[in-house]
PDB file of N, CA and C in Angstrom:
ATOM      1  N   MET A   1      18.490 -46.323 128.634  1.00  0.00           N
ATOM      2  CA  MET A   1      17.521 -45.331 128.218  1.00  0.00           C
ATOM      3  C   MET A   1      16.143 -45.965 128.054  1.00  0.00           C
ATOM      4  N   ALA A   2      16.120 -47.218 127.650  1.00  0.00           N
ATOM      5  CA  ALA A   2      14.843 -47.894 127.466  1.00  0.00           C
ATOM      6  C   ALA A   2      14.119 -48.070 128.797  1.00  0.00           C
ATOM      7  N   THR A   3      14.889 -48.206 129.870  1.00  0.00           N
ATOM      8  CA  THR A   3      14.271 -48.364 131.175  1.00  0.00           C
ATOM      9  C   THR A   3      13.528 -47.092 131.575  1.00  0.00           C
ATOM     10  N   LYS A   4      14.111 -45.935 131.312  1.00  0.00           N
ATOM     11  CA  LYS A   4      13.438 -44.677 131.624  1.00  0.00           C
ATOM     12  C   LYS A   4      12.157 -44.539 130.817  1.00  0.00           C
ATOM     13  N   LYS A   5      12.209 -44.962 129.573  1.00  0.00           N
ATOM     14  CA  LYS A   5      11.020 -44.875 128.718  1.00  0.00           C
ATOM     15  C   LYS A   5       9.924 -45.795 129.251  1.00  0.00           C
ATOM     16  N   ASN A   6      10.302 -47.000 129.679  1.00  0.00           N
ATOM     17  CA  ASN A   6       9.319 -47.932 130.229  1.00  0.00           C
ATOM     18  C   ASN A   6       8.722 -47.396 131.524  1.00  0.00           C
ATOM     19  N   ILE A   7       9.561 -46.812 132.372  1.00  0.00           N
ATOM     20  CA  ILE A   7       9.054 -46.247 133.621  1.00  0.00           C
ATOM     21  C   ILE A   7       8.102 -45.094 133.324  1.00  0.00           C
ATOM     22  N   ALA A   8       8.440 -44.257 132.343  1.00  0.00           N
ATOM     23  CA  ALA A   8       7.571 -43.132 131.980  1.00  0.00           C
ATOM     24  C   ALA A   8       6.222 -43.637 131.469  1.00  0.00           C
ATOM     25  N   ILE A   9       6.240 -44.678 130.655  1.00  0.00           N
ATOM     26  CA  ILE A   9       4.987 -45.235 130.131  1.00  0.00           C
ATOM     27  C   ILE A   9       4.137 -45.797 131.260  1.00  0.00           C
ATOM     28  N   VAL A  10       4.767 -46.508 132.180  1.00  0.00           N
ATOM     29  CA  VAL A  10       4.030 -47.075 133.318  1.00  0.00           C
ATOM     30  C   VAL A  10       3.435 -45.966 134.171  1.00  0.00           C
ATOM     31  N   LEU A  11       4.195 -44.885 134.411  1.00  0.00           N
ATOM     32  CA  LEU A  11       3.679 -43.782 135.220  1.00  0.00           C
ATOM     33  C   LEU A  11       2.518 -43.067 134.541  1.00  0.00           C
ATOM     34  N   VAL A  12       2.578 -42.920 133.217  1.00  0.00           N
ATOM     35  CA  VAL A  12       1.462 -42.291 132.494  1.00  0.00           C
ATOM     36  C   VAL A  12       0.217 -43.163 132.583  1.00  0.00           C
ATOM     37  N   ILE A  13       0.380 -44.463 132.419  1.00  0.00           N
ATOM     38  CA  ILE A  13      -0.764 -45.377 132.522  1.00  0.00           C
ATOM     39  C   ILE A  13      -1.341 -45.348 133.931  1.00  0.00           C
ATOM     40  N   LEU A  14      -0.476 -45.291 134.946  1.00  0.00           N
ATOM     41  CA  LEU A  14      -0.926 -45.209 136.331  1.00  0.00           C
ATOM     42  C   LEU A  14      -1.700 -43.921 136.569  1.00  0.00           C
ATOM     43  N   LEU A  15      -1.190 -42.803 136.032  1.00  0.00           N
ATOM     44  CA  LEU A  15      -1.869 -41.521 136.198  1.00  0.00           C
ATOM     45  C   LEU A  15      -3.227 -41.526 135.501  1.00  0.00           C
ATOM     46  N   LEU A  16      -3.303 -42.106 134.312  1.00  0.00           N
ATOM     47  CA  LEU A  16      -4.597 -42.189 133.615  1.00  0.00           C
ATOM     48  C   LEU A  16      -5.573 -43.083 134.371  1.00  0.00           C
ATOM     49  N   GLY A  17      -5.066 -44.171 134.946  1.00  0.00           N
ATOM     50  CA  GLY A  17      -5.919 -45.039 135.756  1.00  0.00           C
ATOM     51  C   GLY A  17      -6.436 -44.326 136.988  1.00  0.00           C
ATOM     52  N   LEU A  18      -5.570 -43.560 137.641  1.00  0.00           N
ATOM     53  CA  LEU A  18      -6.002 -42.785 138.805  1.00  0.00           C
ATOM     54  C   LEU A  18      -7.034 -41.744 138.406  1.00  0.00           C
ATOM     55  N   LEU A  19      -6.814 -41.108 137.280  1.00  0.00           N
ATOM     56  CA  LEU A  19      -7.768 -40.114 136.789  1.00  0.00           C
ATOM     57  C   LEU A  19      -9.128 -40.747 136.493  1.00  0.00           C
ATOM     58  N   ALA A  20      -9.131 -41.913 135.853  1.00  0.00           N
ATOM     59  CA  ALA A  20     -10.391 -42.604 135.567  1.00  0.00           C
ATOM     60  C   ALA A  20     -11.093 -43.010 136.859  1.00  0.00           C
ATOM     61  N   TRP A  21     -10.311 -43.464 137.839  1.00  0.00           N
ATOM     62  CA  TRP A  21     -10.910 -43.881 139.109  1.00  0.00           C
ATOM     63  C   TRP A  21     -11.561 -42.689 139.813  1.00  0.00           C
ATOM     64  N   VAL A  22     -10.893 -41.536 139.795  1.00  0.00           N
ATOM     65  CA  VAL A  22     -11.437 -40.343 140.435  1.00  0.00           C
ATOM     66  C   VAL A  22     -12.689 -39.876 139.709  1.00  0.00           C
ATOM     67  N   MET A  23     -12.682 -39.949 138.389  1.00  0.00           N
ATOM     68  CA  MET A  23     -13.834 -39.448 137.626  1.00  0.00           C
ATOM     69  C   MET A  23     -15.068 -40.331 137.781  1.00  0.00           C
ATOM     70  N   PHE A  24     -14.874 -41.635 137.929  1.00  0.00           N
ATOM     71  CA  PHE A  24     -16.027 -42.527 137.935  1.00  0.00           C
ATOM     72  C   PHE A  24     -16.491 -42.931 139.326  1.00  0.00           C
ATOM     73  N   ARG A  25     -15.793 -42.535 140.354  1.00  0.00           N
ATOM     74  CA  ARG A  25     -16.286 -42.869 141.688  1.00  0.00           C
ATOM     75  C   ARG A  25     -17.301 -41.828 142.101  1.00  0.00           C
ATOM     76  N   SER A  26     -18.229 -42.230 142.953  1.00  0.00           N
ATOM     77  CA  SER A  26     -19.241 -41.272 143.393  1.00  0.00           C
ATOM     78  C   SER A  26     -18.673 -40.451 144.539  1.00  0.00           C
ATOM     79  N   SER A  27     -18.991 -39.191 144.541  1.00  0.00           N
ATOM     80  CA  SER A  27     -18.508 -38.315 145.600  1.00  0.00           C
ATOM     81  C   SER A  27     -19.655 -37.941 146.517  1.00  0.00           C
ATOM     82  N   ASP A  28     -19.295 -37.375 147.648  1.00  0.00           N
ATOM     83  CA  ASP A  28     -20.311 -36.952 148.612  1.00  0.00           C
ATOM     84  C   ASP A  28     -20.770 -35.523 148.365  1.00  0.00           C
ATOM     85  N   ILE A  29     -20.297 -34.934 147.294  1.00  0.00           N
ATOM     86  CA  ILE A  29     -20.656 -33.556 146.996  1.00  0.00           C
ATOM     87  C   ILE A  29     -21.998 -33.534 146.275  1.00  0.00           C
ATOM     88  N   THR A  30     -22.867 -32.660 146.726  1.00  0.00           N
ATOM     89  CA  THR A  30     -24.151 -32.476 146.070  1.00  0.00           C
ATOM     90  C   THR A  30     -24.214 -31.059 145.527  1.00  0.00           C
ATOM     91  N   VAL A  31     -24.457 -30.942 144.243  1.00  0.00           N
ATOM     92  CA  VAL A  31     -24.586 -29.638 143.612  1.00  0.00           C
ATOM     93  C   VAL A  31     -26.068 -29.377 143.411  1.00  0.00           C
ATOM     94  N   VAL A  32     -26.541 -28.244 143.968  1.00  0.00           N
ATOM     95  CA  VAL A  32     -27.955 -27.895 143.897  1.00  0.00           C
ATOM     96  C   VAL A  32     -28.097 -26.633 143.065  1.00  0.00           C
ATOM     97  N   VAL A  33     -28.957 -26.719 142.027  1.00  0.00           N
ATOM     98  CA  VAL A  33     -29.247 -25.569 141.163  1.00  0.00           C
ATOM     99  C   VAL A  33     -30.757 -25.371 141.154  1.00  0.00           C
ATOM    100  N   ASN A  34     -31.205 -24.196 141.581  1.00  0.00           N
ATOM    101  CA  ASN A  34     -32.631 -23.868 141.640  1.00  0.00           C
ATOM    102  C   ASN A  34     -33.403 -24.886 142.474  1.00  0.00           C
ATOM    103  N   GLY A  35     -32.805 -25.338 143.541  1.00  0.00           N
ATOM    104  CA  GLY A  35     -33.483 -26.265 144.443  1.00  0.00           C
ATOM    105  C   GLY A  35     -33.471 -27.707 143.967  1.00  0.00           C
ATOM    106  N   GLN A  36     -32.907 -28.012 142.819  1.00  0.00           N
ATOM    107  CA  GLN A  36     -32.860 -29.380 142.295  1.00  0.00           C
ATOM    108  C   GLN A  36     -31.414 -29.884 142.318  1.00  0.00           C
ATOM    109  N   ARG A  37     -31.251 -31.145 142.727  1.00  0.00           N
ATOM    110  CA  ARG A  37     -29.916 -31.745 142.687  1.00  0.00           C
ATOM    111  C   ARG A  37     -29.533 -32.044 141.244  1.00  0.00           C
ATOM    112  N   LEU A  38     -28.280 -31.858 140.952  1.00  0.00           N
ATOM    113  CA  LEU A  38     -27.787 -32.202 139.618  1.00  0.00           C
ATOM    114  C   LEU A  38     -27.617 -33.718 139.536  1.00  0.00           C
ATOM    115  N   VAL A  39     -28.094 -34.273 138.429  1.00  0.00           N
ATOM    116  CA  VAL A  39     -27.941 -35.708 138.187  1.00  0.00           C
ATOM    117  C   VAL A  39     -27.519 -35.905 136.742  1.00  0.00           C
ATOM    118  N   GLY A  40     -26.976 -37.068 136.446  1.00  0.00           N
ATOM    119  CA  GLY A  40     -26.614 -37.424 135.077  1.00  0.00           C
ATOM    120  C   GLY A  40     -25.399 -36.667 134.581  1.00  0.00           C
ATOM    121  N   PRO A  41     -25.435 -36.286 133.296  1.00  0.00           N
ATOM    122  CA  PRO A  41     -24.274 -35.621 132.699  1.00  0.00           C
ATOM    123  C   PRO A  41     -23.953 -34.274 133.339  1.00  0.00           C
ATOM    124  N   ALA A  42     -24.957 -33.564 133.839  1.00  0.00           N
ATOM    125  CA  ALA A  42     -24.708 -32.270 134.472  1.00  0.00           C
ATOM    126  C   ALA A  42     -23.878 -32.457 135.746  1.00  0.00           C
ATOM    127  N   LYS A  43     -24.204 -33.519 136.500  1.00  0.00           N
ATOM    128  CA  LYS A  43     -23.435 -33.804 137.712  1.00  0.00           C
ATOM    129  C   LYS A  43     -22.000 -34.173 137.332  1.00  0.00           C
ATOM    130  N   PHE A  44     -21.858 -34.966 136.277  1.00  0.00           N
ATOM    131  CA  PHE A  44     -20.526 -35.366 135.817  1.00  0.00           C
ATOM    132  C   PHE A  44     -19.710 -34.148 135.389  1.00  0.00           C
ATOM    133  N   ALA A  45     -20.342 -33.192 134.706  1.00  0.00           N
ATOM    134  CA  ALA A  45     -19.647 -31.978 134.265  1.00  0.00           C
ATOM    135  C   ALA A  45     -19.285 -31.096 135.456  1.00  0.00           C
ATOM    136  N   ALA A  46     -20.165 -30.998 136.446  1.00  0.00           N
ATOM    137  CA  ALA A  46     -19.891 -30.168 137.618  1.00  0.00           C
ATOM    138  C   ALA A  46     -18.752 -30.762 138.441  1.00  0.00           C
ATOM    139  N   GLU A  47     -18.713 -32.081 138.539  1.00  0.00           N
ATOM    140  CA  GLU A  47     -17.626 -32.723 139.283  1.00  0.00           C
ATOM    141  C   GLU A  47     -16.332 -32.729 138.490  1.00  0.00           C
ATOM    142  N   GLY A  48     -16.408 -32.467 137.192  1.00  0.00           N
ATOM    143  CA  GLY A  48     -15.205 -32.421 136.366  1.00  0.00           C
ATOM    144  C   GLY A  48     -14.257 -31.303 136.757  1.00  0.00           C
ATOM    145  N   TRP A  49     -14.798 -30.241 137.376  1.00  0.00           N
ATOM    146  CA  TRP A  49     -13.925 -29.153 137.813  1.00  0.00           C
ATOM    147  C   TRP A  49     -12.951 -29.636 138.874  1.00  0.00           C
ATOM    148  N   GLY A  50     -13.399 -30.504 139.748  1.00  0.00           N
ATOM    149  CA  GLY A  50     -12.500 -31.072 140.755  1.00  0.00           C
ATOM    150  C   GLY A  50     -11.385 -31.882 140.111  1.00  0.00           C
ATOM    151  N   VAL A  51     -11.736 -32.617 139.069  1.00  0.00           N
ATOM    152  CA  VAL A  51     -10.734 -33.398 138.348  1.00  0.00           C
ATOM    153  C   VAL A  51      -9.746 -32.473 137.658  1.00  0.00           C
ATOM    154  N   LEU A  52     -10.233 -31.382 137.098  1.00  0.00           N
ATOM    155  CA  LEU A  52      -9.356 -30.415 136.441  1.00  0.00           C
ATOM    156  C   LEU A  52      -8.374 -29.798 137.439  1.00  0.00           C
ATOM    157  N   VAL A  53      -8.861 -29.450 138.612  1.00  0.00           N
ATOM    158  CA  VAL A  53      -7.990 -28.899 139.646  1.00  0.00           C
ATOM    159  C   VAL A  53      -6.960 -29.943 140.080  1.00  0.00           C
ATOM    160  N   THR A  54      -7.383 -31.191 140.174  1.00  0.00           N
ATOM    161  CA  THR A  54      -6.464 -32.269 140.548  1.00  0.00           C
ATOM    162  C   THR A  54      -5.373 -32.444 139.502  1.00  0.00           C
ATOM    163  N   ILE A  55      -5.732 -32.403 138.232  1.00  0.00           N
ATOM    164  CA  ILE A  55      -4.745 -32.562 137.159  1.00  0.00           C
ATOM    165  C   ILE A  55      -3.736 -31.418 137.195  1.00  0.00           C
ATOM    166  N   VAL A  56      -4.220 -30.201 137.352  1.00  0.00           N
ATOM    167  CA  VAL A  56      -3.313 -29.050 137.420  1.00  0.00           C
ATOM    168  C   VAL A  56      -2.394 -29.175 138.633  1.00  0.00           C
ATOM    169  N   SER A  57      -2.921 -29.625 139.752  1.00  0.00           N
ATOM    170  CA  SER A  57      -2.098 -29.807 140.956  1.00  0.00           C
ATOM    171  C   SER A  57      -1.029 -30.867 140.732  1.00  0.00           C
ATOM    172  N   PHE A  58      -1.388 -31.973 140.084  1.00  0.00           N
ATOM    173  CA  PHE A  58      -0.411 -33.026 139.791  1.00  0.00           C
ATOM    174  C   PHE A  58       0.705 -32.501 138.888  1.00  0.00           C
ATOM    175  N   PHE A  59       0.362 -31.735 137.866  1.00  0.00           N
ATOM    176  CA  PHE A  59       1.381 -31.202 136.973  1.00  0.00           C
ATOM    177  C   PHE A  59       2.287 -30.206 137.698  1.00  0.00           C
ATOM    178  N   CYS A  60       1.717 -29.378 138.567  1.00  0.00           N
ATOM    179  CA  CYS A  60       2.539 -28.442 139.344  1.00  0.00           C
ATOM    180  C   CYS A  60       3.499 -29.202 140.255  1.00  0.00           C
ATOM    181  N   ALA A  61       3.005 -30.254 140.904  1.00  0.00           N
ATOM    182  CA  ALA A  61       3.868 -31.055 141.769  1.00  0.00           C
ATOM    183  C   ALA A  61       4.956 -31.753 140.956  1.00  0.00           C
ATOM    184  N   ALA A  62       4.614 -32.223 139.767  1.00  0.00           N
ATOM    185  CA  ALA A  62       5.604 -32.891 138.921  1.00  0.00           C
ATOM    186  C   ALA A  62       6.700 -31.928 138.485  1.00  0.00           C
ATOM    187  N   ILE A  63       6.326 -30.706 138.120  1.00  0.00           N
ATOM    188  CA  ILE A  63       7.320 -29.713 137.721  1.00  0.00           C
ATOM    189  C   ILE A  63       8.223 -29.368 138.900  1.00  0.00           C
ATOM    190  N   LEU A  64       7.641 -29.215 140.086  1.00  0.00           N
ATOM    191  CA  LEU A  64       8.436 -28.935 141.275  1.00  0.00           C
ATOM    192  C   LEU A  64       9.413 -30.075 141.558  1.00  0.00           C
ATOM    193  N   LEU A  65       8.956 -31.312 141.436  1.00  0.00           N
ATOM    194  CA  LEU A  65       9.831 -32.453 141.704  1.00  0.00           C
ATOM    195  C   LEU A  65      10.946 -32.568 140.679  1.00  0.00           C
ATOM    196  N   VAL A  66      10.694 -32.173 139.438  1.00  0.00           N
ATOM    197  CA  VAL A  66      11.761 -32.192 138.428  1.00  0.00           C
ATOM    198  C   VAL A  66      12.895 -31.274 138.863  1.00  0.00           C
ATOM    199  N   PHE A  67      12.552 -30.075 139.331  1.00  0.00           N
ATOM    200  CA  PHE A  67      13.594 -29.147 139.766  1.00  0.00           C
ATOM    201  C   PHE A  67      14.277 -29.621 141.042  1.00  0.00           C
ATOM    202  N   VAL A  68      13.519 -30.215 141.959  1.00  0.00           N
ATOM    203  CA  VAL A  68      14.116 -30.710 143.205  1.00  0.00           C
ATOM    204  C   VAL A  68      15.092 -31.833 142.906  1.00  0.00           C
ATOM    205  N   PHE A  69      14.679 -32.795 142.065  1.00  0.00           N
ATOM    206  CA  PHE A  69      15.554 -33.923 141.766  1.00  0.00           C
ATOM    207  C   PHE A  69      16.759 -33.495 140.938  1.00  0.00           C
ATOM    208  N   ALA A  70      16.583 -32.521 140.048  1.00  0.00           N
ATOM    209  CA  ALA A  70      17.723 -32.036 139.270  1.00  0.00           C
ATOM    210  C   ALA A  70      18.721 -31.345 140.188  1.00  0.00           C
ATOM    211  N   GLY A  71      18.237 -30.550 141.135  1.00  0.00           N
ATOM    212  CA  GLY A  71      19.122 -29.878 142.082  1.00  0.00           C
ATOM    213  C   GLY A  71      19.856 -30.863 142.967  1.00  0.00           C
ATOM    214  N   SER A  72      19.155 -31.872 143.467  1.00  0.00           N
ATOM    215  CA  SER A  72      19.816 -32.859 144.325  1.00  0.00           C
ATOM    216  C   SER A  72      20.796 -33.695 143.510  1.00  0.00           C
ATOM    217  N   GLY A  73      20.516 -33.904 142.234  1.00  0.00           N
ATOM    218  CA  GLY A  73      21.467 -34.623 141.373  1.00  0.00           C
ATOM    219  C   GLY A  73      22.741 -33.835 141.168  1.00  0.00           C
ATOM    220  N   LEU A  74      22.614 -32.517 140.997  1.00  0.00           N
ATOM    221  CA  LEU A  74      23.807 -31.677 140.854  1.00  0.00           C
ATOM    222  C   LEU A  74      24.625 -31.648 142.139  1.00  0.00           C
ATOM    223  N   ILE A  75      23.945 -31.610 143.269  1.00  0.00           N
ATOM    224  CA  ILE A  75      24.661 -31.639 144.546  1.00  0.00           C
ATOM    225  C   ILE A  75      25.378 -32.968 144.714  1.00  0.00           C
ATOM    226  N   ALA A  76      24.707 -34.060 144.377  1.00  0.00           N
ATOM    227  CA  ALA A  76      25.344 -35.382 144.485  1.00  0.00           C
ATOM    228  C   ALA A  76      26.551 -35.482 143.549  1.00  0.00           C
ATOM    229  N   LEU A  77      26.427 -34.938 142.349  1.00  0.00           N
ATOM    230  CA  LEU A  77      27.550 -34.957 141.407  1.00  0.00           C
ATOM    231  C   LEU A  77      28.720 -34.132 141.930  1.00  0.00           C
ATOM    232  N   GLY A  78      28.437 -32.968 142.494  1.00  0.00           N
ATOM    233  CA  GLY A  78      29.489 -32.140 143.078  1.00  0.00           C
ATOM    234  C   GLY A  78      30.192 -32.833 144.231  1.00  0.00           C
ATOM    235  N   VAL A  79      29.435 -33.489 145.100  1.00  0.00           N
ATOM    236  CA  VAL A  79      30.037 -34.234 146.213  1.00  0.00           C
ATOM    237  C   VAL A  79      30.897 -35.373 145.683  1.00  0.00           C
ATOM    238  N   LEU A  80      30.428 -36.040 144.637  1.00  0.00           N
ATOM    239  CA  LEU A  80      31.195 -37.136 144.038  1.00  0.00           C
ATOM    240  C   LEU A  80      32.510 -36.635 143.448  1.00  0.00           C
ATOM    241  N   VAL A  81      32.470 -35.497 142.765  1.00  0.00           N
ATOM    242  CA  VAL A  81      33.689 -34.938 142.173  1.00  0.00           C
ATOM    243  C   VAL A  81      34.674 -34.517 143.258  1.00  0.00           C
ATOM    244  N   ILE A  82      34.192 -33.855 144.287  1.00  0.00           N
ATOM    245  CA  ILE A  82      35.079 -33.441 145.383  1.00  0.00           C
ATOM    246  C   ILE A  82      35.657 -34.659 146.091  1.00  0.00           C
ATOM    247  N   GLY A  83      34.837 -35.679 146.297  1.00  0.00           N
ATOM    248  CA  GLY A  83      35.337 -36.915 146.918  1.00  0.00           C
ATOM    249  C   GLY A  83      36.403 -37.584 146.066  1.00  0.00           C
ATOM    250  N   ALA A  84      36.197 -37.621 144.765  1.00  0.00           N
ATOM    251  CA  ALA A  84      37.195 -38.227 143.872  1.00  0.00           C
ATOM    252  C   ALA A  84      38.480 -37.402 143.866  1.00  0.00           C
ATOM    253  N   LEU A  85      38.353 -36.089 143.912  1.00  0.00           N
ATOM    254  CA  LEU A  85      39.533 -35.223 143.965  1.00  0.00           C
ATOM    255  C   LEU A  85      40.321 -35.457 145.253  1.00  0.00           C
ATOM    256  N   LEU A  86      39.624 -35.546 146.368  1.00  0.00           N
ATOM    257  CA  LEU A  86      40.304 -35.819 147.639  1.00  0.00           C
ATOM    258  C   LEU A  86      40.942 -37.207 147.646  1.00  0.00           C
ATOM    259  N   ALA A  87      40.250 -38.186 147.081  1.00  0.00           N
ATOM    260  CA  ALA A  87      40.818 -39.537 147.021  1.00  0.00           C
ATOM    261  C   ALA A  87      42.078 -39.562 146.156  1.00  0.00           C
ATOM    262  N   ALA A  88      42.039 -38.856 145.032  1.00  0.00           N
ATOM    263  CA  ALA A  88      43.231 -38.800 144.173  1.00  0.00           C
ATOM    264  C   ALA A  88      44.359 -38.054 144.867  1.00  0.00           C
ATOM    265  N   TRP A  89      44.014 -37.017 145.628  1.00  0.00           N
ATOM    266  CA  TRP A  89      45.031 -36.257 146.338  1.00  0.00           C
ATOM    267  C   TRP A  89      45.709 -37.113 147.415  1.00  0.00           C
ATOM    268  N   PHE A  90      44.911 -37.908 148.153  1.00  0.00           N
ATOM    269  CA  PHE A  90      45.478 -38.773 149.185  1.00  0.00           C
ATOM    270  C   PHE A  90      46.234 -39.954 148.582  1.00  0.00           C
ATOM    271  N   ALA A  91      45.758 -40.439 147.426  1.00  0.00           N
ATOM    272  CA  ALA A  91      46.417 -41.596 146.814  1.00  0.00           C
ATOM    273  C   ALA A  91      47.725 -41.213 146.129  1.00  0.00           C
ATOM    274  N   PHE A  92      47.778 -40.024 145.529  1.00  0.00           N
ATOM    275  CA  PHE A  92      48.969 -39.604 144.775  1.00  0.00           C
ATOM    276  C   PHE A  92      49.416 -38.215 145.218  1.00  0.00           C
ATOM    277  N   PRO A  93      49.907 -38.046 146.438  1.00  0.00           N
ATOM    278  CA  PRO A  93      50.289 -36.708 146.899  1.00  0.00           C
ATOM    279  C   PRO A  93      51.514 -36.164 146.164  1.00  0.00           C
ATOM    280  N   PHE A  94      52.322 -37.035 145.602  1.00  0.00           N
ATOM    281  CA  PHE A  94      53.517 -36.578 144.893  1.00  0.00           C
ATOM    282  C   PHE A  94      53.183 -35.931 143.551  1.00  0.00           C
ATOM    283  N   LEU A  95      51.945 -36.099 143.054  1.00  0.00           N
ATOM    284  CA  LEU A  95      51.557 -35.482 141.783  1.00  0.00           C
ATOM    285  C   LEU A  95      51.119 -34.027 141.931  1.00  0.00           C
ATOM    286  N   LEU A  96      50.932 -33.554 143.153  1.00  0.00           N
ATOM    287  CA  LEU A  96      50.474 -32.191 143.352  1.00  0.00           C
ATOM    288  C   LEU A  96      51.428 -31.148 142.753  1.00  0.00           C
ATOM    289  N   PRO A  97      52.763 -31.271 142.906  1.00  0.00           N
ATOM    290  CA  PRO A  97      53.638 -30.283 142.260  1.00  0.00           C
ATOM    291  C   PRO A  97      53.555 -30.303 140.737  1.00  0.00           C
ATOM    292  N   VAL A  98      53.129 -31.415 140.141  1.00  0.00           N
ATOM    293  CA  VAL A  98      52.966 -31.479 138.688  1.00  0.00           C
ATOM    294  C   VAL A  98      51.618 -30.899 138.277  1.00  0.00           C
ATOM    295  N   LEU A  99      50.600 -31.115 139.096  1.00  0.00           N
ATOM    296  CA  LEU A  99      49.260 -30.683 138.734  1.00  0.00           C
ATOM    297  C   LEU A  99      49.058 -29.176 138.861  1.00  0.00           C
ATOM    298  N   ILE A 100      49.763 -28.518 139.767  1.00  0.00           N
ATOM    299  CA  ILE A 100      49.589 -27.070 139.929  1.00  0.00           C
ATOM    300  C   ILE A 100      50.017 -26.315 138.666  1.00  0.00           C
ATOM    301  N   PRO A 101      51.225 -26.555 138.104  1.00  0.00           N
ATOM    302  CA  PRO A 101      51.552 -25.861 136.844  1.00  0.00           C
ATOM    303  C   PRO A 101      50.634 -26.264 135.690  1.00  0.00           C
ATOM    304  N   LEU A 102      50.209 -27.519 135.679  1.00  0.00           N
ATOM    305  CA  LEU A 102      49.283 -27.961 134.632  1.00  0.00           C
ATOM    306  C   LEU A 102      47.956 -27.212 134.738  1.00  0.00           C
ATOM    307  N   PHE A 103      47.486 -26.992 135.955  1.00  0.00           N
ATOM    308  CA  PHE A 103      46.262 -26.241 136.181  1.00  0.00           C
ATOM    309  C   PHE A 103      46.418 -24.795 135.712  1.00  0.00           C
ATOM    310  N   LEU A 104      47.574 -24.181 135.984  1.00  0.00           N
ATOM    311  CA  LEU A 104      47.811 -22.806 135.543  1.00  0.00           C
ATOM    312  C   LEU A 104      47.842 -22.700 134.021  1.00  0.00           C
ATOM    313  N   VAL A 105      48.460 -23.676 133.356  1.00  0.00           N
ATOM    314  CA  VAL A 105      48.471 -23.688 131.888  1.00  0.00           C
ATOM    315  C   VAL A 105      47.049 -23.859 131.358  1.00  0.00           C
ATOM    316  N   TRP A 106      46.267 -24.715 131.992  1.00  0.00           N
ATOM    317  CA  TRP A 106      44.882 -24.946 131.574  1.00  0.00           C
ATOM    318  C   TRP A 106      44.060 -23.667 131.694  1.00  0.00           C
ATOM    319  N   ILE A 107      44.220 -22.935 132.799  1.00  0.00           N
ATOM    320  CA  ILE A 107      43.507 -21.667 132.991  1.00  0.00           C
ATOM    321  C   ILE A 107      43.927 -20.655 131.923  1.00  0.00           C
ATOM    322  N   PHE A 108      45.232 -20.573 131.626  1.00  0.00           N
ATOM    323  CA  PHE A 108      45.718 -19.642 130.613  1.00  0.00           C
ATOM    324  C   PHE A 108      45.135 -19.969 129.239  1.00  0.00           C
ATOM    325  N   VAL A 109      45.149 -21.234 128.856  1.00  0.00           N
ATOM    326  CA  VAL A 109      44.609 -21.638 127.555  1.00  0.00           C
ATOM    327  C   VAL A 109      43.107 -21.379 127.490  1.00  0.00           C
ATOM    328  N   ALA A 110      42.388 -21.632 128.590  1.00  0.00           N
ATOM    329  CA  ALA A 110      40.947 -21.371 128.616  1.00  0.00           C
ATOM    330  C   ALA A 110      40.664 -19.880 128.471  1.00  0.00           C
ATOM    331  N   ALA A 111      41.485 -19.036 129.099  1.00  0.00           N
ATOM    332  CA  ALA A 111      41.281 -17.589 129.007  1.00  0.00           C
ATOM    333  C   ALA A 111      41.554 -17.096 127.580  1.00  0.00           C
ATOM    334  N   VAL A 112      42.629 -17.591 126.965  1.00  0.00           N
ATOM    335  CA  VAL A 112      42.951 -17.165 125.604  1.00  0.00           C
ATOM    336  C   VAL A 112      41.903 -17.669 124.626  1.00  0.00           C
ATOM    337  N   HIS A 113      41.479 -18.892 124.789  1.00  0.00           N
ATOM    338  CA  HIS A 113      40.471 -19.468 123.896  1.00  0.00           C
ATOM    339  C   HIS A 113      39.132 -18.753 124.060  1.00  0.00           C
ATOM    340  N   GLY A 114      38.806 -18.371 125.278  1.00  0.00           N
ATOM    341  CA  GLY A 114      37.533 -17.685 125.546  1.00  0.00           C
ATOM    342  C   GLY A 114      37.478 -16.297 124.937  1.00  0.00           C
ATOM    343  N   ARG A 115      38.606 -15.592 124.908  1.00  0.00           N
ATOM    344  CA  ARG A 115      38.624 -14.246 124.325  1.00  0.00           C
ATOM    345  C   ARG A 115      38.497 -14.275 122.815  1.00  0.00           C
ATOM    346  N   GLY A 116      39.146 -15.210 122.168  1.00  0.00           N
ATOM    347  CA  GLY A 116      39.126 -15.258 120.705  1.00  0.00           C
ATOM    348  C   GLY A 116      37.848 -15.852 120.142  1.00  0.00           C
ATOM    349  N   ASN A 117      37.066 -16.542 120.958  1.00  0.00           N
ATOM    350  CA  ASN A 117      35.899 -17.267 120.474  1.00  0.00           C
ATOM    351  C   ASN A 117      34.633 -16.753 121.145  1.00  0.00           C
ATOM    352  N   SER A 118      34.550 -15.445 121.374  1.00  0.00           N
ATOM    353  CA  SER A 118      33.413 -14.902 122.118  1.00  0.00           C
ATOM    354  C   SER A 118      32.104 -14.951 121.353  1.00  0.00           C
ATOM    355  N   GLY A 119      32.149 -14.965 120.035  1.00  0.00           N
ATOM    356  CA  GLY A 119      30.924 -14.989 119.224  1.00  0.00           C
ATOM    357  C   GLY A 119      30.277 -16.349 119.124  1.00  0.00           C
ATOM    358  N   ALA A 120      31.047 -17.415 119.312  1.00  0.00           N
ATOM    359  CA  ALA A 120      30.496 -18.749 119.104  1.00  0.00           C
ATOM    360  C   ALA A 120      30.250 -19.439 120.365  1.00  0.00           C
TER     361      ALA A 120
END
């Protein structure tokens, strides 16, 4: 768990560094108001909108990637479970007649338990 925390801290520092680099580099955009170019703090504030759009875009991409990676993780887990089930089936084929009645008992107990505990 500590590794995930360290990676998260490094990614936040990287994102802040990228944000600082974008904010302090000069751009080729010229903002003209009443025939005068914006300079100084006004130029910095006008270019800040681009940074704001960039931050919102990064957060949208991050949220999308969270869902993509969570979905692919569930698919990988499902494939792993099915693979383990097939491996157990090929390794112990004589256990199948024992597992079928056990599965039926498990379904029955789950159904009875689910009906009596619907509020919790």
